[in-house]
Amino acid sequence: MTIVGQLLAHPLAVRLRQHRFLKFGTVGAFGVLVNLTFLYLGKEFLFTTIPWPKVSLNLSLALAIFCATVSNFLGNRHWTWRDRRQHHLDKSLVVQFGQYATACWVGIALQFLFTNILAVYLYYLAANLIAIVMASVFNYLVNDLWTFRHRHPRDVA
């Protein structure tokens, strides 16, 4: 088997090729719109009185990431991993959101880091868009394997 064949046969690569990843991507695309909208609103309207551009950008990013995280969680819970909801009846919505947010924290940190680095060279919205794409694959895998993982009845007991 070739190296490419071995990579495509790897369990993580199989997970990425599933139909579920397309749903995740669709929810994520909507989340990007939410993120960019709130980033723009924060930077151009809400935090314009702050005299330090970096602080204004970071507050706008925090608002954008929070709103997009809530939007993505709800979309993924109700559509992407809808078939697994019955396996998580023992968890409250708040607990599952906490798990989702925890699973996404590395992606959020990467988004902050890469947006700030890239914003030096690119328009801040373009920098943020690139950073979002970079964190998406990581977020999908962690949430598929942990937050919304399929649990067998013996795992729940």
N, C-alpha and C. Protein backbone atom coordinates (compact mmCIF):
# COMPACT_ATOMS: atom_id res chain seq x y z
N MET A 1 0.84 -1.17 0.00
CA MET A 1 0.00 0.00 0.00
C MET A 1 0.89 1.24 0.00
N THR A 2 0.53 2.24 -0.78
CA THR A 2 1.31 3.46 -0.86
C THR A 2 1.15 4.29 0.41
N ILE A 3 2.01 5.27 0.55
CA ILE A 3 1.93 6.15 1.71
C ILE A 3 0.60 6.88 1.72
N VAL A 4 0.15 7.35 0.57
CA VAL A 4 -1.13 8.05 0.48
C VAL A 4 -2.26 7.10 0.88
N GLY A 5 -2.19 5.86 0.41
CA GLY A 5 -3.21 4.87 0.77
C GLY A 5 -3.23 4.60 2.26
N GLN A 6 -2.07 4.53 2.86
CA GLN A 6 -1.98 4.32 4.31
C GLN A 6 -2.56 5.50 5.08
N LEU A 7 -2.25 6.71 4.61
CA LEU A 7 -2.80 7.89 5.26
C LEU A 7 -4.31 7.94 5.15
N LEU A 8 -4.84 7.61 3.97
CA LEU A 8 -6.30 7.63 3.76
C LEU A 8 -7.00 6.54 4.55
N ALA A 9 -6.28 5.44 4.85
CA ALA A 9 -6.88 4.34 5.61
C ALA A 9 -6.79 4.57 7.12
N HIS A 10 -6.03 5.55 7.55
CA HIS A 10 -5.89 5.84 8.97
C HIS A 10 -7.26 6.20 9.55
N PRO A 11 -7.57 5.73 10.77
CA PRO A 11 -8.89 6.00 11.36
C PRO A 11 -9.27 7.48 11.41
N LEU A 12 -8.31 8.36 11.64
CA LEU A 12 -8.65 9.80 11.68
C LEU A 12 -9.02 10.31 10.29
N ALA A 13 -8.34 9.82 9.26
CA ALA A 13 -8.68 10.21 7.89
C ALA A 13 -10.05 9.68 7.50
N VAL A 14 -10.39 8.48 7.96
CA VAL A 14 -11.71 7.91 7.68
C VAL A 14 -12.79 8.79 8.32
N ARG A 15 -12.55 9.24 9.55
CA ARG A 15 -13.51 10.12 10.23
C ARG A 15 -13.74 11.41 9.45
N LEU A 16 -12.67 11.95 8.86
CA LEU A 16 -12.79 13.20 8.13
C LEU A 16 -13.57 13.02 6.82
N ARG A 17 -13.57 11.83 6.27
CA ARG A 17 -14.26 11.60 5.00
C ARG A 17 -15.74 11.26 5.20
N GLN A 18 -16.18 11.15 6.40
CA GLN A 18 -17.57 10.81 6.66
C GLN A 18 -18.49 11.96 6.30
N HIS A 19 -19.74 11.61 6.03
CA HIS A 19 -20.78 12.59 5.72
C HIS A 19 -20.92 13.59 6.88
N ARG A 20 -20.69 13.14 8.06
CA ARG A 20 -20.81 14.00 9.25
C ARG A 20 -19.86 15.19 9.17
N PHE A 21 -18.69 14.99 8.60
CA PHE A 21 -17.73 16.09 8.49
C PHE A 21 -18.28 17.19 7.57
N LEU A 22 -19.05 16.80 6.55
CA LEU A 22 -19.67 17.80 5.67
C LEU A 22 -20.71 18.63 6.44
N LYS A 23 -21.47 17.96 7.30
CA LYS A 23 -22.42 18.69 8.15
C LYS A 23 -21.66 19.63 9.08
N PHE A 24 -20.60 19.11 9.68
CA PHE A 24 -19.77 19.92 10.57
C PHE A 24 -19.24 21.14 9.82
N GLY A 25 -18.80 20.93 8.59
CA GLY A 25 -18.31 22.03 7.77
C GLY A 25 -19.39 23.05 7.45
N THR A 26 -20.61 22.57 7.21
CA THR A 26 -21.72 23.47 6.93
C THR A 26 -22.06 24.31 8.16
N VAL A 27 -22.13 23.66 9.32
CA VAL A 27 -22.37 24.40 10.57
C VAL A 27 -21.22 25.38 10.80
N GLY A 28 -20.02 24.91 10.54
CA GLY A 28 -18.85 25.77 10.70
C GLY A 28 -18.86 26.96 9.77
N ALA A 29 -19.33 26.75 8.53
CA ALA A 29 -19.41 27.87 7.58
C ALA A 29 -20.38 28.93 8.08
N PHE A 30 -21.50 28.49 8.63
CA PHE A 30 -22.43 29.45 9.24
C PHE A 30 -21.76 30.12 10.43
N GLY A 31 -21.01 29.35 11.21
CA GLY A 31 -20.28 29.90 12.35
C GLY A 31 -19.25 30.93 11.93
N VAL A 32 -18.65 30.73 10.77
CA VAL A 32 -17.70 31.72 10.25
C VAL A 32 -18.42 33.04 10.00
N LEU A 33 -19.62 32.95 9.42
CA LEU A 33 -20.40 34.17 9.18
C LEU A 33 -20.74 34.86 10.50
N VAL A 34 -21.13 34.07 11.49
CA VAL A 34 -21.41 34.63 12.82
C VAL A 34 -20.15 35.28 13.38
N ASN A 35 -19.04 34.56 13.28
CA ASN A 35 -17.76 35.05 13.80
C ASN A 35 -17.36 36.36 13.13
N LEU A 36 -17.36 36.36 11.80
CA LEU A 36 -16.94 37.55 11.08
C LEU A 36 -17.89 38.74 11.32
N THR A 37 -19.16 38.44 11.43
CA THR A 37 -20.15 39.50 11.70
C THR A 37 -19.87 40.16 13.05
N PHE A 38 -19.70 39.34 14.09
CA PHE A 38 -19.46 39.91 15.41
C PHE A 38 -18.07 40.53 15.54
N LEU A 39 -17.09 39.98 14.82
CA LEU A 39 -15.77 40.59 14.80
C LEU A 39 -15.86 41.98 14.18
N TYR A 40 -16.55 42.10 13.08
CA TYR A 40 -16.73 43.39 12.40
C TYR A 40 -17.50 44.36 13.29
N LEU A 41 -18.62 43.90 13.85
CA LEU A 41 -19.43 44.78 14.72
C LEU A 41 -18.62 45.26 15.93
N GLY A 42 -17.85 44.35 16.51
CA GLY A 42 -17.02 44.73 17.65
C GLY A 42 -15.95 45.73 17.28
N LYS A 43 -15.23 45.44 16.22
CA LYS A 43 -14.09 46.28 15.81
C LYS A 43 -14.55 47.63 15.26
N GLU A 44 -15.63 47.63 14.50
CA GLU A 44 -16.05 48.86 13.82
C GLU A 44 -17.07 49.69 14.60
N PHE A 45 -17.76 49.08 15.59
CA PHE A 45 -18.81 49.81 16.30
C PHE A 45 -18.71 49.72 17.82
N LEU A 46 -18.66 48.51 18.36
CA LEU A 46 -18.77 48.34 19.81
C LEU A 46 -17.54 48.83 20.57
N PHE A 47 -16.35 48.60 20.03
CA PHE A 47 -15.13 48.90 20.77
C PHE A 47 -14.30 50.01 20.13
N THR A 48 -14.96 50.90 19.40
CA THR A 48 -14.24 51.99 18.71
C THR A 48 -13.69 53.05 19.65
N THR A 49 -14.25 53.14 20.83
CA THR A 49 -13.77 54.16 21.78
C THR A 49 -12.50 53.73 22.51
N ILE A 50 -12.11 52.48 22.34
CA ILE A 50 -10.89 51.99 22.97
C ILE A 50 -9.71 52.48 22.13
N PRO A 51 -8.79 53.22 22.73
CA PRO A 51 -7.72 53.85 21.95
C PRO A 51 -6.60 52.90 21.50
N TRP A 52 -6.58 51.69 22.04
CA TRP A 52 -5.51 50.76 21.70
C TRP A 52 -6.03 49.73 20.68
N PRO A 53 -5.56 49.76 19.45
CA PRO A 53 -6.07 48.86 18.40
C PRO A 53 -5.98 47.38 18.75
N LYS A 54 -4.91 46.98 19.40
CA LYS A 54 -4.75 45.56 19.75
C LYS A 54 -5.81 45.12 20.76
N VAL A 55 -6.11 45.96 21.73
CA VAL A 55 -7.13 45.65 22.73
C VAL A 55 -8.50 45.60 22.06
N SER A 56 -8.76 46.55 21.18
CA SER A 56 -10.02 46.56 20.44
C SER A 56 -10.18 45.29 19.60
N LEU A 57 -9.10 44.89 18.95
CA LEU A 57 -9.14 43.65 18.14
C LEU A 57 -9.39 42.44 19.03
N ASN A 58 -8.70 42.35 20.15
CA ASN A 58 -8.85 41.18 21.02
C ASN A 58 -10.22 41.11 21.68
N LEU A 59 -10.78 42.22 22.08
CA LEU A 59 -12.15 42.22 22.61
C LEU A 59 -13.15 41.81 21.53
N SER A 60 -12.94 42.31 20.34
CA SER A 60 -13.81 41.94 19.21
C SER A 60 -13.69 40.45 18.91
N LEU A 61 -12.47 39.94 18.95
CA LEU A 61 -12.24 38.51 18.74
C LEU A 61 -12.93 37.67 19.82
N ALA A 62 -12.82 38.08 21.06
CA ALA A 62 -13.46 37.33 22.16
C ALA A 62 -14.96 37.28 21.96
N LEU A 63 -15.58 38.39 21.62
CA LEU A 63 -17.01 38.43 21.35
C LEU A 63 -17.36 37.53 20.17
N ALA A 64 -16.61 37.64 19.09
CA ALA A 64 -16.88 36.86 17.88
C ALA A 64 -16.74 35.36 18.14
N ILE A 65 -15.70 34.98 18.84
CA ILE A 65 -15.47 33.57 19.11
C ILE A 65 -16.55 33.01 20.04
N PHE A 66 -16.94 33.76 21.04
CA PHE A 66 -18.00 33.30 21.94
C PHE A 66 -19.30 33.08 21.17
N CYS A 67 -19.71 34.06 20.39
CA CYS A 67 -20.97 33.94 19.63
C CYS A 67 -20.91 32.78 18.63
N ALA A 68 -19.79 32.63 17.95
CA ALA A 68 -19.65 31.53 16.99
C ALA A 68 -19.62 30.18 17.69
N THR A 69 -19.01 30.11 18.87
CA THR A 69 -18.95 28.85 19.62
C THR A 69 -20.35 28.40 20.04
N VAL A 70 -21.15 29.32 20.55
CA VAL A 70 -22.52 28.99 20.94
C VAL A 70 -23.32 28.56 19.72
N SER A 71 -23.21 29.30 18.64
CA SER A 71 -23.92 28.97 17.40
C SER A 71 -23.51 27.59 16.87
N ASN A 72 -22.22 27.33 16.84
CA ASN A 72 -21.72 26.04 16.34
C ASN A 72 -22.13 24.88 17.24
N PHE A 73 -22.08 25.09 18.55
CA PHE A 73 -22.49 24.03 19.46
C PHE A 73 -23.94 23.63 19.20
N LEU A 74 -24.82 24.62 19.14
CA LEU A 74 -26.23 24.33 18.93
C LEU A 74 -26.47 23.67 17.58
N GLY A 75 -25.82 24.16 16.54
CA GLY A 75 -25.97 23.57 15.21
C GLY A 75 -25.45 22.14 15.16
N ASN A 76 -24.28 21.92 15.75
CA ASN A 76 -23.72 20.56 15.74
C ASN A 76 -24.53 19.60 16.59
N ARG A 77 -25.00 20.08 17.71
CA ARG A 77 -25.79 19.22 18.61
C ARG A 77 -27.11 18.82 17.95
N HIS A 78 -27.74 19.77 17.28
CA HIS A 78 -29.07 19.51 16.73
C HIS A 78 -29.05 18.97 15.30
N TRP A 79 -27.90 19.00 14.62
CA TRP A 79 -27.89 18.51 13.24
C TRP A 79 -26.75 17.53 12.98
N THR A 80 -25.50 17.95 13.20
CA THR A 80 -24.35 17.12 12.86
C THR A 80 -24.34 15.80 13.63
N TRP A 81 -24.52 15.88 14.93
CA TRP A 81 -24.49 14.69 15.78
C TRP A 81 -25.88 14.38 16.34
N ARG A 82 -26.92 14.70 15.61
CA ARG A 82 -28.30 14.48 16.06
C ARG A 82 -28.54 13.00 16.41
N ASP A 83 -27.97 12.12 15.62
CA ASP A 83 -28.18 10.68 15.83
C ASP A 83 -27.55 10.19 17.13
N ARG A 84 -26.68 10.95 17.73
CA ARG A 84 -26.03 10.53 18.97
C ARG A 84 -26.65 11.17 20.21
N ARG A 85 -27.67 12.00 20.03
CA ARG A 85 -28.25 12.71 21.17
C ARG A 85 -28.79 11.76 22.23
N GLN A 86 -29.36 10.64 21.82
CA GLN A 86 -29.93 9.72 22.80
C GLN A 86 -28.84 9.11 23.69
N HIS A 87 -27.60 9.16 23.24
CA HIS A 87 -26.50 8.63 24.04
C HIS A 87 -26.03 9.62 25.10
N HIS A 88 -26.55 10.84 25.04
CA HIS A 88 -26.09 11.87 25.96
C HIS A 88 -27.22 12.41 26.82
N LEU A 89 -28.26 11.59 27.00
CA LEU A 89 -29.39 12.03 27.81
C LEU A 89 -29.01 12.22 29.27
N ASP A 90 -27.93 11.57 29.69
CA ASP A 90 -27.50 11.70 31.08
C ASP A 90 -26.75 13.01 31.32
N LYS A 91 -26.47 13.78 30.27
CA LYS A 91 -25.75 15.05 30.40
C LYS A 91 -26.72 16.20 30.19
N SER A 92 -26.60 17.22 31.01
CA SER A 92 -27.41 18.41 30.78
C SER A 92 -26.81 19.18 29.61
N LEU A 93 -27.59 20.08 29.07
CA LEU A 93 -27.12 20.93 27.98
C LEU A 93 -25.91 21.74 28.41
N VAL A 94 -25.93 22.22 29.64
CA VAL A 94 -24.83 23.03 30.16
C VAL A 94 -23.55 22.20 30.25
N VAL A 95 -23.66 20.97 30.74
CA VAL A 95 -22.49 20.10 30.84
C VAL A 95 -21.94 19.79 29.45
N GLN A 96 -22.82 19.47 28.52
CA GLN A 96 -22.35 19.15 27.17
C GLN A 96 -21.72 20.39 26.51
N PHE A 97 -22.31 21.57 26.73
CA PHE A 97 -21.69 22.78 26.19
C PHE A 97 -20.32 22.99 26.83
N GLY A 98 -20.21 22.73 28.11
CA GLY A 98 -18.91 22.85 28.77
C GLY A 98 -17.89 21.91 28.16
N GLN A 99 -18.32 20.71 27.86
CA GLN A 99 -17.44 19.75 27.20
C GLN A 99 -17.05 20.25 25.81
N TYR A 100 -18.03 20.76 25.08
CA TYR A 100 -17.78 21.28 23.73
C TYR A 100 -16.80 22.44 23.78
N ALA A 101 -17.04 23.36 24.70
CA ALA A 101 -16.16 24.53 24.82
C ALA A 101 -14.75 24.11 25.23
N THR A 102 -14.66 23.16 26.14
CA THR A 102 -13.35 22.65 26.55
C THR A 102 -12.63 22.00 25.38
N ALA A 103 -13.38 21.22 24.60
CA ALA A 103 -12.79 20.56 23.43
C ALA A 103 -12.31 21.58 22.41
N CYS A 104 -12.95 22.72 22.35
CA CYS A 104 -12.60 23.74 21.36
C CYS A 104 -11.54 24.73 21.85
N TRP A 105 -11.13 24.66 23.09
CA TRP A 105 -10.25 25.70 23.63
C TRP A 105 -8.92 25.79 22.88
N VAL A 106 -8.38 24.68 22.46
CA VAL A 106 -7.12 24.73 21.71
C VAL A 106 -7.35 25.42 20.37
N GLY A 107 -8.45 25.08 19.73
CA GLY A 107 -8.78 25.73 18.46
C GLY A 107 -9.00 27.22 18.64
N ILE A 108 -9.64 27.59 19.74
CA ILE A 108 -9.87 29.01 20.03
C ILE A 108 -8.53 29.72 20.27
N ALA A 109 -7.66 29.08 21.04
CA ALA A 109 -6.34 29.66 21.29
C ALA A 109 -5.55 29.79 19.99
N LEU A 110 -5.63 28.76 19.14
CA LEU A 110 -4.96 28.83 17.84
C LEU A 110 -5.54 29.95 16.99
N GLN A 111 -6.85 30.10 17.03
CA GLN A 111 -7.48 31.17 16.25
C GLN A 111 -6.99 32.54 16.72
N PHE A 112 -6.95 32.76 18.03
CA PHE A 112 -6.42 34.02 18.55
C PHE A 112 -4.98 34.24 18.10
N LEU A 113 -4.16 33.22 18.31
CA LEU A 113 -2.74 33.33 17.98
C LEU A 113 -2.53 33.63 16.50
N PHE A 114 -3.12 32.80 15.64
CA PHE A 114 -2.90 32.97 14.20
C PHE A 114 -3.54 34.25 13.67
N THR A 115 -4.68 34.67 14.22
CA THR A 115 -5.28 35.93 13.77
C THR A 115 -4.35 37.09 14.10
N ASN A 116 -3.80 37.10 15.32
CA ASN A 116 -2.89 38.18 15.70
C ASN A 116 -1.61 38.17 14.88
N ILE A 117 -1.09 37.00 14.59
CA ILE A 117 0.13 36.92 13.78
C ILE A 117 -0.17 37.37 12.34
N LEU A 118 -1.22 36.82 11.77
CA LEU A 118 -1.55 37.12 10.38
C LEU A 118 -2.06 38.54 10.18
N ALA A 119 -2.68 39.13 11.22
CA ALA A 119 -3.21 40.49 11.10
C ALA A 119 -2.11 41.53 10.91
N VAL A 120 -0.89 41.15 11.24
CA VAL A 120 0.24 42.05 10.98
C VAL A 120 0.46 42.19 9.48
N TYR A 121 0.17 41.11 8.73
CA TYR A 121 0.45 41.07 7.30
C TYR A 121 -0.79 41.17 6.42
N LEU A 122 -1.97 40.84 6.99
CA LEU A 122 -3.21 40.79 6.22
C LEU A 122 -4.29 41.63 6.89
N TYR A 123 -5.33 41.93 6.14
CA TYR A 123 -6.51 42.58 6.70
C TYR A 123 -7.06 41.67 7.80
N TYR A 124 -7.50 42.23 8.91
CA TYR A 124 -7.86 41.43 10.09
C TYR A 124 -8.95 40.40 9.81
N LEU A 125 -9.93 40.70 8.94
CA LEU A 125 -10.97 39.72 8.63
C LEU A 125 -10.41 38.54 7.85
N ALA A 126 -9.49 38.80 6.92
CA ALA A 126 -8.86 37.72 6.16
C ALA A 126 -7.99 36.87 7.09
N ALA A 127 -7.27 37.53 7.98
CA ALA A 127 -6.44 36.81 8.95
C ALA A 127 -7.29 35.89 9.82
N ASN A 128 -8.42 36.39 10.26
CA ASN A 128 -9.31 35.60 11.10
C ASN A 128 -9.89 34.42 10.33
N LEU A 129 -10.27 34.62 9.09
CA LEU A 129 -10.81 33.54 8.27
C LEU A 129 -9.80 32.40 8.10
N ILE A 130 -8.56 32.73 7.84
CA ILE A 130 -7.51 31.71 7.71
C ILE A 130 -7.32 30.96 9.03
N ALA A 131 -7.34 31.69 10.13
CA ALA A 131 -7.17 31.07 11.45
C ALA A 131 -8.32 30.12 11.77
N ILE A 132 -9.53 30.47 11.37
CA ILE A 132 -10.70 29.61 11.59
C ILE A 132 -10.53 28.29 10.84
N VAL A 133 -10.12 28.36 9.60
CA VAL A 133 -9.93 27.15 8.80
C VAL A 133 -8.88 26.23 9.43
N MET A 134 -7.82 26.82 9.94
CA MET A 134 -6.74 26.03 10.53
C MET A 134 -7.21 25.26 11.77
N ALA A 135 -8.13 25.82 12.52
CA ALA A 135 -8.60 25.19 13.76
C ALA A 135 -9.75 24.20 13.52
N SER A 136 -10.37 24.22 12.36
CA SER A 136 -11.59 23.43 12.12
C SER A 136 -11.37 21.92 12.17
N VAL A 137 -10.33 21.43 11.54
CA VAL A 137 -10.10 19.98 11.53
C VAL A 137 -9.85 19.47 12.94
N PHE A 138 -9.05 20.18 13.69
CA PHE A 138 -8.80 19.80 15.08
C PHE A 138 -10.11 19.75 15.87
N ASN A 139 -10.94 20.79 15.73
CA ASN A 139 -12.19 20.85 16.48
C ASN A 139 -13.13 19.70 16.12
N TYR A 140 -13.20 19.36 14.85
CA TYR A 140 -14.07 18.25 14.43
C TYR A 140 -13.64 16.95 15.09
N LEU A 141 -12.37 16.64 15.00
CA LEU A 141 -11.88 15.37 15.53
C LEU A 141 -12.09 15.26 17.04
N VAL A 142 -11.78 16.32 17.76
CA VAL A 142 -11.94 16.28 19.21
C VAL A 142 -13.42 16.14 19.60
N ASN A 143 -14.28 16.87 18.91
CA ASN A 143 -15.70 16.78 19.24
C ASN A 143 -16.32 15.46 18.81
N ASP A 144 -15.87 14.90 17.71
CA ASP A 144 -16.38 13.61 17.29
C ASP A 144 -15.94 12.49 18.24
N LEU A 145 -14.72 12.60 18.72
CA LEU A 145 -14.18 11.56 19.59
C LEU A 145 -14.55 11.73 21.06
N TRP A 146 -14.95 12.95 21.47
CA TRP A 146 -15.20 13.17 22.89
C TRP A 146 -16.59 13.74 23.17
N THR A 147 -16.87 14.95 22.74
CA THR A 147 -18.11 15.62 23.11
C THR A 147 -19.34 14.86 22.64
N PHE A 148 -19.35 14.45 21.38
CA PHE A 148 -20.52 13.80 20.80
C PHE A 148 -20.25 12.34 20.46
N ARG A 149 -19.28 11.74 21.13
CA ARG A 149 -18.91 10.37 20.79
C ARG A 149 -20.09 9.42 20.99
N HIS A 150 -20.08 8.39 20.18
CA HIS A 150 -21.10 7.34 20.30
C HIS A 150 -20.74 6.47 21.49
N ARG A 151 -21.69 6.33 22.39
CA ARG A 151 -21.45 5.49 23.56
C ARG A 151 -22.38 4.28 23.50
N HIS A 152 -21.80 3.15 23.70
CA HIS A 152 -22.58 1.92 23.74
C HIS A 152 -23.30 1.85 25.09
N PRO A 153 -24.44 1.16 25.14
CA PRO A 153 -25.17 1.05 26.42
C PRO A 153 -24.30 0.59 27.58
N ARG A 154 -23.32 -0.26 27.30
CA ARG A 154 -22.46 -0.73 28.39
C ARG A 154 -21.57 0.38 28.94
N ASP A 155 -21.29 1.42 28.09
CA ASP A 155 -20.49 2.56 28.54
C ASP A 155 -21.26 3.46 29.50
N VAL A 156 -22.58 3.51 29.35
CA VAL A 156 -23.41 4.40 30.15
C VAL A 156 -23.65 3.81 31.53
N ALA A 157 -23.77 2.48 31.60
CA ALA A 157 -24.09 1.80 32.87
C ALA A 157 -23.02 1.93 33.90
